[in-house]
Amino acid sequence: MFFYGTLKKGHYNHTRFSEDGIGKFLGEDRVTGYSLVQPDGLPYPFAVPDVNGTIKGELYEVEDKLYNFLHRMELGAGYTSKHVTTTKDSVDAIMYVSEQNSFEGLPRFDFFPIS
């Protein structure tokens, strides 16, 4: 799985489900065709389609039980799962994306830092 927000190391959801984190860390990588936006008042970003965009994130191998939980959580938060291929290592991964049109006009960025 490719994570770009609160499931990355150092963010509050990374160890929310297990003290050891969300799975086996495979490394950092990038995905093209998407950018991040963060609506005012929300503590997490959304990935949105953007032909000129790139997102920097982390790759993880996640056990099935946790994957199923994360999948339900992300769908419930308004995301859609997408199969993506990373740029550096050409890894096929799942990433969660928002397809809401209400994000037009928000600043776009490529990395969600630890705050």
PDB file of N, CA and C in Angstrom:
ATOM      1  N   MET A   1       0.839  -1.171   0.000  1.00  0.00           N
ATOM      2  CA  MET A   1       0.000   0.000   0.000  1.00  0.00           C
ATOM      3  C   MET A   1       0.889   1.241   0.000  1.00  0.00           C
ATOM      4  N   PHE A   2       0.373   2.295  -0.602  1.00  0.00           N
ATOM      5  CA  PHE A   2       1.091   3.570  -0.670  1.00  0.00           C
ATOM      6  C   PHE A   2       0.350   4.569   0.215  1.00  0.00           C
ATOM      7  N   PHE A   3       1.031   5.064   1.253  1.00  0.00           N
ATOM      8  CA  PHE A   3       0.441   6.016   2.189  1.00  0.00           C
ATOM      9  C   PHE A   3       1.135   7.360   2.069  1.00  0.00           C
ATOM     10  N   TYR A   4       0.355   8.423   2.102  1.00  0.00           N
ATOM     11  CA  TYR A   4       0.880   9.777   1.938  1.00  0.00           C
ATOM     12  C   TYR A   4       0.462  10.720   3.057  1.00  0.00           C
ATOM     13  N   GLY A   5      -0.366  10.258   4.000  1.00  0.00           N
ATOM     14  CA  GLY A   5      -0.904  11.151   5.026  1.00  0.00           C
ATOM     15  C   GLY A   5      -0.682  10.626   6.430  1.00  0.00           C
ATOM     16  N   THR A   6      -1.745  10.504   7.187  1.00  0.00           N
ATOM     17  CA  THR A   6      -1.646  10.196   8.610  1.00  0.00           C
ATOM     18  C   THR A   6      -1.262   8.753   8.915  1.00  0.00           C
ATOM     19  N   LEU A   7      -1.141   7.901   7.911  1.00  0.00           N
ATOM     20  CA  LEU A   7      -0.693   6.530   8.137  1.00  0.00           C
ATOM     21  C   LEU A   7       0.826   6.393   7.988  1.00  0.00           C
ATOM     22  N   LYS A   8       1.505   7.475   7.563  1.00  0.00           N
ATOM     23  CA  LYS A   8       2.964   7.451   7.451  1.00  0.00           C
ATOM     24  C   LYS A   8       3.606   7.475   8.839  1.00  0.00           C
ATOM     25  N   LYS A   9       4.880   7.082   8.885  1.00  0.00           N
ATOM     26  CA  LYS A   9       5.655   7.141  10.133  1.00  0.00           C
ATOM     27  C   LYS A   9       5.583   8.545  10.722  1.00  0.00           C
ATOM     28  N   GLY A  10       5.431   8.598  12.050  1.00  0.00           N
ATOM     29  CA  GLY A  10       5.419   9.870  12.743  1.00  0.00           C
ATOM     30  C   GLY A  10       4.057  10.535  12.837  1.00  0.00           C
ATOM     31  N   HIS A  11       3.080  10.043  12.110  1.00  0.00           N
ATOM     32  CA  HIS A  11       1.731  10.605  12.158  1.00  0.00           C
ATOM     33  C   HIS A  11       0.841   9.752  13.057  1.00  0.00           C
ATOM     34  N   TYR A  12      -0.255  10.340  13.516  1.00  0.00           N
ATOM     35  CA  TYR A  12      -1.067   9.713  14.563  1.00  0.00           C
ATOM     36  C   TYR A  12      -1.716   8.394  14.184  1.00  0.00           C
ATOM     37  N   ASN A  13      -1.991   8.128  12.938  1.00  0.00           N
ATOM     38  CA  ASN A  13      -2.611   6.844  12.580  1.00  0.00           C
ATOM     39  C   ASN A  13      -1.602   5.721  12.355  1.00  0.00           C
ATOM     40  N   HIS A  14      -0.318   6.045  12.305  1.00  0.00           N
ATOM     41  CA  HIS A  14       0.683   5.016  12.007  1.00  0.00           C
ATOM     42  C   HIS A  14       0.698   3.904  13.060  1.00  0.00           C
ATOM     43  N   THR A  15       0.616   4.262  14.315  1.00  0.00           N
ATOM     44  CA  THR A  15       0.627   3.254  15.384  1.00  0.00           C
ATOM     45  C   THR A  15      -0.735   3.127  16.066  1.00  0.00           C
ATOM     46  N   ARG A  16      -1.758   3.666  15.462  1.00  0.00           N
ATOM     47  CA  ARG A  16      -3.107   3.612  16.039  1.00  0.00           C
ATOM     48  C   ARG A  16      -3.631   2.182  16.137  1.00  0.00           C
ATOM     49  N   PHE A  17      -3.260   1.332  15.221  1.00  0.00           N
ATOM     50  CA  PHE A  17      -3.806  -0.027  15.147  1.00  0.00           C
ATOM     51  C   PHE A  17      -2.848  -1.089  15.662  1.00  0.00           C
ATOM     52  N   SER A  18      -1.581  -0.731  15.808  1.00  0.00           N
ATOM     53  CA  SER A  18      -0.561  -1.657  16.300  1.00  0.00           C
ATOM     54  C   SER A  18       0.644  -0.840  16.764  1.00  0.00           C
ATOM     55  N   GLU A  19       1.231  -1.223  17.883  1.00  0.00           N
ATOM     56  CA  GLU A  19       2.424  -0.529  18.370  1.00  0.00           C
ATOM     57  C   GLU A  19       3.566  -0.587  17.356  1.00  0.00           C
ATOM     58  N   ASP A  20       3.570  -1.640  16.539  1.00  0.00           N
ATOM     59  CA  ASP A  20       4.634  -1.827  15.555  1.00  0.00           C
ATOM     60  C   ASP A  20       4.395  -1.058  14.264  1.00  0.00           C
ATOM     61  N   GLY A  21       3.289  -0.346  14.178  1.00  0.00           N
ATOM     62  CA  GLY A  21       2.989   0.387  12.955  1.00  0.00           C
ATOM     63  C   GLY A  21       2.021  -0.378  12.084  1.00  0.00           C
ATOM     64  N   ILE A  22       1.872   0.090  10.866  1.00  0.00           N
ATOM     65  CA  ILE A  22       0.830  -0.445   9.996  1.00  0.00           C
ATOM     66  C   ILE A  22       1.269  -1.606   9.114  1.00  0.00           C
ATOM     67  N   GLY A  23       2.503  -1.965   9.172  1.00  0.00           N
ATOM     68  CA  GLY A  23       2.970  -3.076   8.348  1.00  0.00           C
ATOM     69  C   GLY A  23       4.460  -2.996   8.120  1.00  0.00           C
ATOM     70  N   LYS A  24       4.931  -3.805   7.201  1.00  0.00           N
ATOM     71  CA  LYS A  24       6.357  -3.832   6.864  1.00  0.00           C
ATOM     72  C   LYS A  24       6.687  -2.659   5.939  1.00  0.00           C
ATOM     73  N   PHE A  25       7.568  -1.786   6.418  1.00  0.00           N
ATOM     74  CA  PHE A  25       7.990  -0.619   5.641  1.00  0.00           C
ATOM     75  C   PHE A  25       8.862  -1.073   4.479  1.00  0.00           C
ATOM     76  N   LEU A  26       8.495  -0.684   3.262  1.00  0.00           N
ATOM     77  CA  LEU A  26       9.247  -1.063   2.071  1.00  0.00           C
ATOM     78  C   LEU A  26      10.087   0.073   1.506  1.00  0.00           C
ATOM     79  N   GLY A  27       9.822   1.303   1.976  1.00  0.00           N
ATOM     80  CA  GLY A  27      10.610   2.437   1.514  1.00  0.00           C
ATOM     81  C   GLY A  27       9.751   3.605   1.082  1.00  0.00           C
ATOM     82  N   GLU A  28      10.427   4.692   0.772  1.00  0.00           N
ATOM     83  CA  GLU A  28       9.754   5.875   0.258  1.00  0.00           C
ATOM     84  C   GLU A  28       9.714   5.805  -1.256  1.00  0.00           C
ATOM     85  N   ASP A  29       8.693   6.401  -1.834  1.00  0.00           N
ATOM     86  CA  ASP A  29       8.566   6.414  -3.285  1.00  0.00           C
ATOM     87  C   ASP A  29       7.629   7.545  -3.665  1.00  0.00           C
ATOM     88  N   ARG A  30       7.333   7.646  -4.929  1.00  0.00           N
ATOM     89  CA  ARG A  30       6.432   8.691  -5.438  1.00  0.00           C
ATOM     90  C   ARG A  30       5.413   8.070  -6.386  1.00  0.00           C
ATOM     91  N   VAL A  31       4.272   8.763  -6.496  1.00  0.00           N
ATOM     92  CA  VAL A  31       3.222   8.396  -7.447  1.00  0.00           C
ATOM     93  C   VAL A  31       2.910   9.646  -8.256  1.00  0.00           C
ATOM     94  N   THR A  32       2.836   9.522  -9.571  1.00  0.00           N
ATOM     95  CA  THR A  32       2.492  10.665 -10.416  1.00  0.00           C
ATOM     96  C   THR A  32       1.013  10.608 -10.796  1.00  0.00           C
ATOM     97  N   GLY A  33       0.504  11.757 -11.249  1.00  0.00           N
ATOM     98  CA  GLY A  33      -0.896  11.850 -11.666  1.00  0.00           C
ATOM     99  C   GLY A  33      -1.838  12.268 -10.552  1.00  0.00           C
ATOM    100  N   TYR A  34      -1.267  12.613  -9.386  1.00  0.00           N
ATOM    101  CA  TYR A  34      -2.059  13.037  -8.226  1.00  0.00           C
ATOM    102  C   TYR A  34      -1.316  14.137  -7.486  1.00  0.00           C
ATOM    103  N   SER A  35      -2.081  14.970  -6.780  1.00  0.00           N
ATOM    104  CA  SER A  35      -1.536  15.971  -5.858  1.00  0.00           C
ATOM    105  C   SER A  35      -2.297  15.855  -4.553  1.00  0.00           C
ATOM    106  N   LEU A  36      -1.761  16.485  -3.518  1.00  0.00           N
ATOM    107  CA  LEU A  36      -2.434  16.527  -2.230  1.00  0.00           C
ATOM    108  C   LEU A  36      -3.111  17.878  -2.053  1.00  0.00           C
ATOM    109  N   VAL A  37      -4.263  17.859  -1.377  1.00  0.00           N
ATOM    110  CA  VAL A  37      -4.945  19.070  -0.935  1.00  0.00           C
ATOM    111  C   VAL A  37      -5.344  18.843   0.512  1.00  0.00           C
ATOM    112  N   GLN A  38      -5.481  19.933   1.254  1.00  0.00           N
ATOM    113  CA  GLN A  38      -5.900  19.826   2.645  1.00  0.00           C
ATOM    114  C   GLN A  38      -6.910  20.939   2.935  1.00  0.00           C
ATOM    115  N   PRO A  39      -8.194  20.579   2.940  1.00  0.00           N
ATOM    116  CA  PRO A  39      -9.216  21.588   3.233  1.00  0.00           C
ATOM    117  C   PRO A  39      -9.026  22.173   4.630  1.00  0.00           C
ATOM    118  N   ASP A  40      -9.365  23.432   4.789  1.00  0.00           N
ATOM    119  CA  ASP A  40      -9.257  24.115   6.087  1.00  0.00           C
ATOM    120  C   ASP A  40      -9.972  23.329   7.176  1.00  0.00           C
ATOM    121  N   GLY A  41      -9.314  23.211   8.305  1.00  0.00           N
ATOM    122  CA  GLY A  41      -9.918  22.558   9.453  1.00  0.00           C
ATOM    123  C   GLY A  41      -9.721  21.051   9.526  1.00  0.00           C
ATOM    124  N   LEU A  42      -9.226  20.438   8.479  1.00  0.00           N
ATOM    125  CA  LEU A  42      -9.000  18.989   8.509  1.00  0.00           C
ATOM    126  C   LEU A  42      -7.533  18.688   8.809  1.00  0.00           C
ATOM    127  N   PRO A  43      -7.270  17.692   9.665  1.00  0.00           N
ATOM    128  CA  PRO A  43      -5.886  17.379  10.033  1.00  0.00           C
ATOM    129  C   PRO A  43      -5.209  16.388   9.079  1.00  0.00           C
ATOM    130  N   TYR A  44      -5.817  16.130   7.935  1.00  0.00           N
ATOM    131  CA  TYR A  44      -5.257  15.154   7.007  1.00  0.00           C
ATOM    132  C   TYR A  44      -5.474  15.627   5.572  1.00  0.00           C
ATOM    133  N   PRO A  45      -4.638  15.147   4.650  1.00  0.00           N
ATOM    134  CA  PRO A  45      -4.769  15.550   3.249  1.00  0.00           C
ATOM    135  C   PRO A  45      -5.618  14.558   2.458  1.00  0.00           C
ATOM    136  N   PHE A  46      -6.031  14.990   1.286  1.00  0.00           N
ATOM    137  CA  PHE A  46      -6.677  14.138   0.299  1.00  0.00           C
ATOM    138  C   PHE A  46      -5.784  14.092  -0.931  1.00  0.00           C
ATOM    139  N   ALA A  47      -5.643  12.927  -1.531  1.00  0.00           N
ATOM    140  CA  ALA A  47      -5.005  12.829  -2.839  1.00  0.00           C
ATOM    141  C   ALA A  47      -6.103  13.036  -3.872  1.00  0.00           C
ATOM    142  N   VAL A  48      -5.827  13.886  -4.855  1.00  0.00           N
ATOM    143  CA  VAL A  48      -6.790  14.160  -5.919  1.00  0.00           C
ATOM    144  C   VAL A  48      -6.106  13.989  -7.268  1.00  0.00           C
ATOM    145  N   PRO A  49      -6.852  13.562  -8.288  1.00  0.00           N
ATOM    146  CA  PRO A  49      -6.255  13.426  -9.617  1.00  0.00           C
ATOM    147  C   PRO A  49      -5.685  14.762 -10.097  1.00  0.00           C
ATOM    148  N   ASP A  50      -4.495  14.718 -10.670  1.00  0.00           N
ATOM    149  CA  ASP A  50      -3.820  15.912 -11.180  1.00  0.00           C
ATOM    150  C   ASP A  50      -2.758  15.435 -12.172  1.00  0.00           C
ATOM    151  N   VAL A  51      -2.997  15.641 -13.451  1.00  0.00           N
ATOM    152  CA  VAL A  51      -2.079  15.116 -14.469  1.00  0.00           C
ATOM    153  C   VAL A  51      -0.657  15.622 -14.301  1.00  0.00           C
ATOM    154  N   ASN A  52      -0.482  16.789 -13.695  1.00  0.00           N
ATOM    155  CA  ASN A  52       0.860  17.343 -13.495  1.00  0.00           C
ATOM    156  C   ASN A  52       1.410  17.090 -12.104  1.00  0.00           C
ATOM    157  N   GLY A  53       0.675  16.369 -11.272  1.00  0.00           N
ATOM    158  CA  GLY A  53       1.055  16.199  -9.880  1.00  0.00           C
ATOM    159  C   GLY A  53       1.922  14.998  -9.587  1.00  0.00           C
ATOM    160  N   THR A  54       2.558  15.060  -8.434  1.00  0.00           N
ATOM    161  CA  THR A  54       3.359  13.970  -7.886  1.00  0.00           C
ATOM    162  C   THR A  54       3.175  13.984  -6.379  1.00  0.00           C
ATOM    163  N   ILE A  55       3.070  12.803  -5.786  1.00  0.00           N
ATOM    164  CA  ILE A  55       2.959  12.693  -4.336  1.00  0.00           C
ATOM    165  C   ILE A  55       4.105  11.844  -3.817  1.00  0.00           C
ATOM    166  N   LYS A  56       4.750  12.331  -2.766  1.00  0.00           N
ATOM    167  CA  LYS A  56       5.796  11.570  -2.081  1.00  0.00           C
ATOM    168  C   LYS A  56       5.151  10.857  -0.901  1.00  0.00           C
ATOM    169  N   GLY A  57       5.393   9.556  -0.785  1.00  0.00           N
ATOM    170  CA  GLY A  57       4.796   8.796   0.308  1.00  0.00           C
ATOM    171  C   GLY A  57       5.634   7.597   0.693  1.00  0.00           C
ATOM    172  N   GLU A  58       5.008   6.677   1.408  1.00  0.00           N
ATOM    173  CA  GLU A  58       5.684   5.487   1.920  1.00  0.00           C
ATOM    174  C   GLU A  58       4.949   4.237   1.478  1.00  0.00           C
ATOM    175  N   LEU A  59       5.717   3.217   1.155  1.00  0.00           N
ATOM    176  CA  LEU A  59       5.163   1.925   0.758  1.00  0.00           C
ATOM    177  C   LEU A  59       5.212   0.941   1.915  1.00  0.00           C
ATOM    178  N   TYR A  60       4.124   0.186   2.076  1.00  0.00           N
ATOM    179  CA  TYR A  60       4.031  -0.814   3.144  1.00  0.00           C
ATOM    180  C   TYR A  60       3.413  -2.094   2.623  1.00  0.00           C
ATOM    181  N   GLU A  61       3.892  -3.198   3.186  1.00  0.00           N
ATOM    182  CA  GLU A  61       3.226  -4.479   3.023  1.00  0.00           C
ATOM    183  C   GLU A  61       2.328  -4.631   4.247  1.00  0.00           C
ATOM    184  N   VAL A  62       1.037  -4.787   4.022  1.00  0.00           N
ATOM    185  CA  VAL A  62       0.049  -4.786   5.105  1.00  0.00           C
ATOM    186  C   VAL A  62      -0.652  -6.131   5.151  1.00  0.00           C
ATOM    187  N   GLU A  63      -0.813  -6.683   6.354  1.00  0.00           N
ATOM    188  CA  GLU A  63      -1.517  -7.953   6.507  1.00  0.00           C
ATOM    189  C   GLU A  63      -2.980  -7.795   6.121  1.00  0.00           C
ATOM    190  N   ASP A  64      -3.588  -8.889   5.650  1.00  0.00           N
ATOM    191  CA  ASP A  64      -4.963  -8.862   5.147  1.00  0.00           C
ATOM    192  C   ASP A  64      -5.961  -8.293   6.151  1.00  0.00           C
ATOM    193  N   LYS A  65      -5.870  -8.696   7.407  1.00  0.00           N
ATOM    194  CA  LYS A  65      -6.828  -8.228   8.413  1.00  0.00           C
ATOM    195  C   LYS A  65      -6.767  -6.707   8.551  1.00  0.00           C
ATOM    196  N   LEU A  66      -5.558  -6.155   8.628  1.00  0.00           N
ATOM    197  CA  LEU A  66      -5.416  -4.708   8.746  1.00  0.00           C
ATOM    198  C   LEU A  66      -5.820  -4.025   7.445  1.00  0.00           C
ATOM    199  N   TYR A  67      -5.463  -4.613   6.315  1.00  0.00           N
ATOM    200  CA  TYR A  67      -5.872  -4.041   5.028  1.00  0.00           C
ATOM    201  C   TYR A  67      -7.395  -3.910   4.967  1.00  0.00           C
ATOM    202  N   ASN A  68      -8.117  -4.948   5.354  1.00  0.00           N
ATOM    203  CA  ASN A  68      -9.579  -4.906   5.313  1.00  0.00           C
ATOM    204  C   ASN A  68     -10.130  -3.804   6.211  1.00  0.00           C
ATOM    205  N   PHE A  69      -9.533  -3.632   7.382  1.00  0.00           N
ATOM    206  CA  PHE A  69      -9.952  -2.562   8.288  1.00  0.00           C
ATOM    207  C   PHE A  69      -9.659  -1.191   7.671  1.00  0.00           C
ATOM    208  N   LEU A  70      -8.429  -1.001   7.172  1.00  0.00           N
ATOM    209  CA  LEU A  70      -8.050   0.275   6.573  1.00  0.00           C
ATOM    210  C   LEU A  70      -8.930   0.595   5.360  1.00  0.00           C
ATOM    211  N   HIS A  71      -9.245  -0.425   4.588  1.00  0.00           N
ATOM    212  CA  HIS A  71     -10.087  -0.241   3.405  1.00  0.00           C
ATOM    213  C   HIS A  71     -11.458   0.303   3.810  1.00  0.00           C
ATOM    214  N   ARG A  72     -12.071  -0.296   4.806  1.00  0.00           N
ATOM    215  CA  ARG A  72     -13.377   0.186   5.280  1.00  0.00           C
ATOM    216  C   ARG A  72     -13.261   1.602   5.847  1.00  0.00           C
ATOM    217  N   MET A  73     -12.191   1.868   6.591  1.00  0.00           N
ATOM    218  CA  MET A  73     -11.990   3.192   7.175  1.00  0.00           C
ATOM    219  C   MET A  73     -11.858   4.251   6.081  1.00  0.00           C
ATOM    220  N   GLU A  74     -11.046   3.985   5.083  1.00  0.00           N
ATOM    221  CA  GLU A  74     -10.801   4.955   4.016  1.00  0.00           C
ATOM    222  C   GLU A  74     -12.051   5.168   3.152  1.00  0.00           C
ATOM    223  N   LEU A  75     -12.765   4.103   2.829  1.00  0.00           N
ATOM    224  CA  LEU A  75     -14.001   4.259   2.064  1.00  0.00           C
ATOM    225  C   LEU A  75     -15.005   5.091   2.852  1.00  0.00           C
ATOM    226  N   GLY A  76     -15.081   4.862   4.158  1.00  0.00           N
ATOM    227  CA  GLY A  76     -15.987   5.619   5.016  1.00  0.00           C
ATOM    228  C   GLY A  76     -15.637   7.088   5.116  1.00  0.00           C
ATOM    229  N   ALA A  77     -14.372   7.419   4.870  1.00  0.00           N
ATOM    230  CA  ALA A  77     -13.928   8.813   4.923  1.00  0.00           C
ATOM    231  C   ALA A  77     -14.051   9.500   3.561  1.00  0.00           C
ATOM    232  N   GLY A  78     -14.603   8.797   2.582  1.00  0.00           N
ATOM    233  CA  GLY A  78     -14.835   9.410   1.278  1.00  0.00           C
ATOM    234  C   GLY A  78     -13.771   9.153   0.232  1.00  0.00           C
ATOM    235  N   TYR A  79     -12.888   8.205   0.487  1.00  0.00           N
ATOM    236  CA  TYR A  79     -11.839   7.878  -0.478  1.00  0.00           C
ATOM    237  C   TYR A  79     -12.262   6.713  -1.368  1.00  0.00           C
ATOM    238  N   THR A  80     -11.587   6.578  -2.490  1.00  0.00           N
ATOM    239  CA  THR A  80     -11.746   5.458  -3.414  1.00  0.00           C
ATOM    240  C   THR A  80     -10.375   4.796  -3.547  1.00  0.00           C
ATOM    241  N   SER A  81     -10.327   3.472  -3.591  1.00  0.00           N
ATOM    242  CA  SER A  81      -9.028   2.810  -3.754  1.00  0.00           C
ATOM    243  C   SER A  81      -8.652   2.790  -5.233  1.00  0.00           C
ATOM    244  N   LYS A  82      -7.383   3.065  -5.488  1.00  0.00           N
ATOM    245  CA  LYS A  82      -6.841   3.066  -6.849  1.00  0.00           C
ATOM    246  C   LYS A  82      -5.578   2.225  -6.879  1.00  0.00           C
ATOM    247  N   HIS A  83      -5.403   1.502  -7.960  1.00  0.00           N
ATOM    248  CA  HIS A  83      -4.142   0.793  -8.183  1.00  0.00           C
ATOM    249  C   HIS A  83      -3.202   1.779  -8.866  1.00  0.00           C
ATOM    250  N   VAL A  84      -2.026   1.948  -8.289  1.00  0.00           N
ATOM    251  CA  VAL A  84      -1.030   2.877  -8.816  1.00  0.00           C
ATOM    252  C   VAL A  84       0.299   2.146  -8.956  1.00  0.00           C
ATOM    253  N   THR A  85       1.181   2.723  -9.743  1.00  0.00           N
ATOM    254  CA  THR A  85       2.552   2.217  -9.877  1.00  0.00           C
ATOM    255  C   THR A  85       3.492   3.340  -9.467  1.00  0.00           C
ATOM    256  N   THR A  86       4.388   3.031  -8.546  1.00  0.00           N
ATOM    257  CA  THR A  86       5.309   4.061  -8.054  1.00  0.00           C
ATOM    258  C   THR A  86       6.382   4.367  -9.098  1.00  0.00           C
ATOM    259  N   THR A  87       6.989   5.539  -8.970  1.00  0.00           N
ATOM    260  CA  THR A  87       7.945   5.982  -9.988  1.00  0.00           C
ATOM    261  C   THR A  87       9.346   5.426  -9.790  1.00  0.00           C
ATOM    262  N   LYS A  88       9.815   5.379  -8.567  1.00  0.00           N
ATOM    263  CA  LYS A  88      11.209   4.977  -8.309  1.00  0.00           C
ATOM    264  C   LYS A  88      11.412   3.479  -8.503  1.00  0.00           C
ATOM    265  N   ASP A  89      10.572   2.690  -7.854  1.00  0.00           N
ATOM    266  CA  ASP A  89      10.765   1.240  -7.872  1.00  0.00           C
ATOM    267  C   ASP A  89       9.715   0.481  -8.682  1.00  0.00           C
ATOM    268  N   SER A  90       8.812   1.196  -9.356  1.00  0.00           N
ATOM    269  CA  SER A  90       7.753   0.587 -10.171  1.00  0.00           C
ATOM    270  C   SER A  90       6.968  -0.481  -9.414  1.00  0.00           C
ATOM    271  N   VAL A  91       6.609  -0.157  -8.180  1.00  0.00           N
ATOM    272  CA  VAL A  91       5.834  -1.069  -7.344  1.00  0.00           C
ATOM    273  C   VAL A  91       4.349  -0.830  -7.605  1.00  0.00           C
ATOM    274  N   ASP A  92       3.603  -1.904  -7.827  1.00  0.00           N
ATOM    275  CA  ASP A  92       2.150  -1.810  -7.932  1.00  0.00           C
ATOM    276  C   ASP A  92       1.597  -1.756  -6.519  1.00  0.00           C
ATOM    277  N   ALA A  93       0.791  -0.747  -6.232  1.00  0.00           N
ATOM    278  CA  ALA A  93       0.288  -0.539  -4.879  1.00  0.00           C
ATOM    279  C   ALA A  93      -1.145  -0.025  -4.918  1.00  0.00           C
ATOM    280  N   ILE A  94      -1.765  -0.027  -3.766  1.00  0.00           N
ATOM    281  CA  ILE A  94      -3.091   0.565  -3.607  1.00  0.00           C
ATOM    282  C   ILE A  94      -2.913   1.885  -2.874  1.00  0.00           C
ATOM    283  N   MET A  95      -3.604   2.905  -3.377  1.00  0.00           N
ATOM    284  CA  MET A  95      -3.585   4.230  -2.769  1.00  0.00           C
ATOM    285  C   MET A  95      -5.034   4.705  -2.684  1.00  0.00           C
ATOM    286  N   TYR A  96      -5.348   5.486  -1.669  1.00  0.00           N
ATOM    287  CA  TYR A  96      -6.706   6.004  -1.519  1.00  0.00           C
ATOM    288  C   TYR A  96      -6.769   7.447  -1.991  1.00  0.00           C
ATOM    289  N   VAL A  97      -7.768   7.717  -2.846  1.00  0.00           N
ATOM    290  CA  VAL A  97      -7.896   8.973  -3.568  1.00  0.00           C
ATOM    291  C   VAL A  97      -9.296   9.542  -3.365  1.00  0.00           C
ATOM    292  N   SER A  98      -9.402  10.850  -3.334  1.00  0.00           N
ATOM    293  CA  SER A  98     -10.704  11.509  -3.313  1.00  0.00           C
ATOM    294  C   SER A  98     -11.024  11.987  -4.722  1.00  0.00           C
ATOM    295  N   GLU A  99     -12.251  11.801  -5.118  1.00  0.00           N
ATOM    296  CA  GLU A  99     -12.671  12.291  -6.432  1.00  0.00           C
ATOM    297  C   GLU A  99     -13.688  13.414  -6.294  1.00  0.00           C
ATOM    298  N   GLN A 100     -13.722  14.060  -5.125  1.00  0.00           N
ATOM    299  CA  GLN A 100     -14.635  15.180  -4.901  1.00  0.00           C
ATOM    300  C   GLN A 100     -14.225  16.372  -5.754  1.00  0.00           C
ATOM    301  N   ASN A 101     -15.193  17.056  -6.295  1.00  0.00           N
ATOM    302  CA  ASN A 101     -14.917  18.250  -7.096  1.00  0.00           C
ATOM    303  C   ASN A 101     -14.809  19.503  -6.235  1.00  0.00           C
ATOM    304  N   SER A 102     -15.125  19.387  -4.958  1.00  0.00           N
ATOM    305  CA  SER A 102     -15.148  20.563  -4.093  1.00  0.00           C
ATOM    306  C   SER A 102     -13.750  21.057  -3.713  1.00  0.00           C
ATOM    307  N   PHE A 103     -12.708  20.430  -4.185  1.00  0.00           N
ATOM    308  CA  PHE A 103     -11.348  20.823  -3.836  1.00  0.00           C
ATOM    309  C   PHE A 103     -10.728  21.786  -4.847  1.00  0.00           C
ATOM    310  N   GLU A 104     -11.480  22.169  -5.867  1.00  0.00           N
ATOM    311  CA  GLU A 104     -10.960  23.112  -6.852  1.00  0.00           C
ATOM    312  C   GLU A 104     -10.563  24.411  -6.152  1.00  0.00           C
ATOM    313  N   GLY A 105      -9.429  24.960  -6.532  1.00  0.00           N
ATOM    314  CA  GLY A 105      -8.971  26.218  -5.976  1.00  0.00           C
ATOM    315  C   GLY A 105      -8.104  26.092  -4.737  1.00  0.00           C
ATOM    316  N   LEU A 106      -8.068  24.906  -4.120  1.00  0.00           N
ATOM    317  CA  LEU A 106      -7.195  24.720  -2.956  1.00  0.00           C
ATOM    318  C   LEU A 106      -5.757  24.554  -3.414  1.00  0.00           C
ATOM    319  N   PRO A 107      -4.802  25.036  -2.611  1.00  0.00           N
ATOM    320  CA  PRO A 107      -3.390  24.818  -2.960  1.00  0.00           C
ATOM    321  C   PRO A 107      -3.085  23.326  -3.030  1.00  0.00           C
ATOM    322  N   ARG A 108      -2.240  22.960  -3.964  1.00  0.00           N
ATOM    323  CA  ARG A 108      -1.831  21.561  -4.134  1.00  0.00           C
ATOM    324  C   ARG A 108      -0.383  21.419  -3.723  1.00  0.00           C
ATOM    325  N   PHE A 109      -0.066  20.266  -3.117  1.00  0.00           N
ATOM    326  CA  PHE A 109       1.294  20.033  -2.675  1.00  0.00           C
ATOM    327  C   PHE A 109       1.626  18.561  -2.848  1.00  0.00           C
ATOM    328  N   ASP A 110       2.909  18.202  -2.675  1.00  0.00           N
ATOM    329  CA  ASP A 110       3.346  16.837  -2.976  1.00  0.00           C
ATOM    330  C   ASP A 110       3.773  16.036  -1.753  1.00  0.00           C
ATOM    331  N   PHE A 111       3.788  16.654  -0.551  1.00  0.00           N
ATOM    332  CA  PHE A 111       4.303  15.966   0.627  1.00  0.00           C
ATOM    333  C   PHE A 111       3.558  16.468   1.842  1.00  0.00           C
ATOM    334  N   PHE A 112       3.146  15.540   2.716  1.00  0.00           N
ATOM    335  CA  PHE A 112       2.444  15.877   3.952  1.00  0.00           C
ATOM    336  C   PHE A 112       3.424  15.727   5.102  1.00  0.00           C
ATOM    337  N   PRO A 113       3.929  16.859   5.641  1.00  0.00           N
ATOM    338  CA  PRO A 113       4.956  16.784   6.693  1.00  0.00           C
ATOM    339  C   PRO A 113       4.363  16.454   8.047  1.00  0.00           C
ATOM    340  N   ILE A 114       5.205  16.023   8.961  1.00  0.00           N
ATOM    341  CA  ILE A 114       4.790  15.788  10.339  1.00  0.00           C
ATOM    342  C   ILE A 114       4.640  17.157  10.992  1.00  0.00           C
ATOM    343  N   SER A 115       3.500  17.358  11.632  1.00  0.00           N
ATOM    344  CA  SER A 115       3.269  18.661  12.261  1.00  0.00           C
ATOM    345  C   SER A 115       3.434  18.591  13.754  1.00  0.00           C
TER     346      SER A 115
END
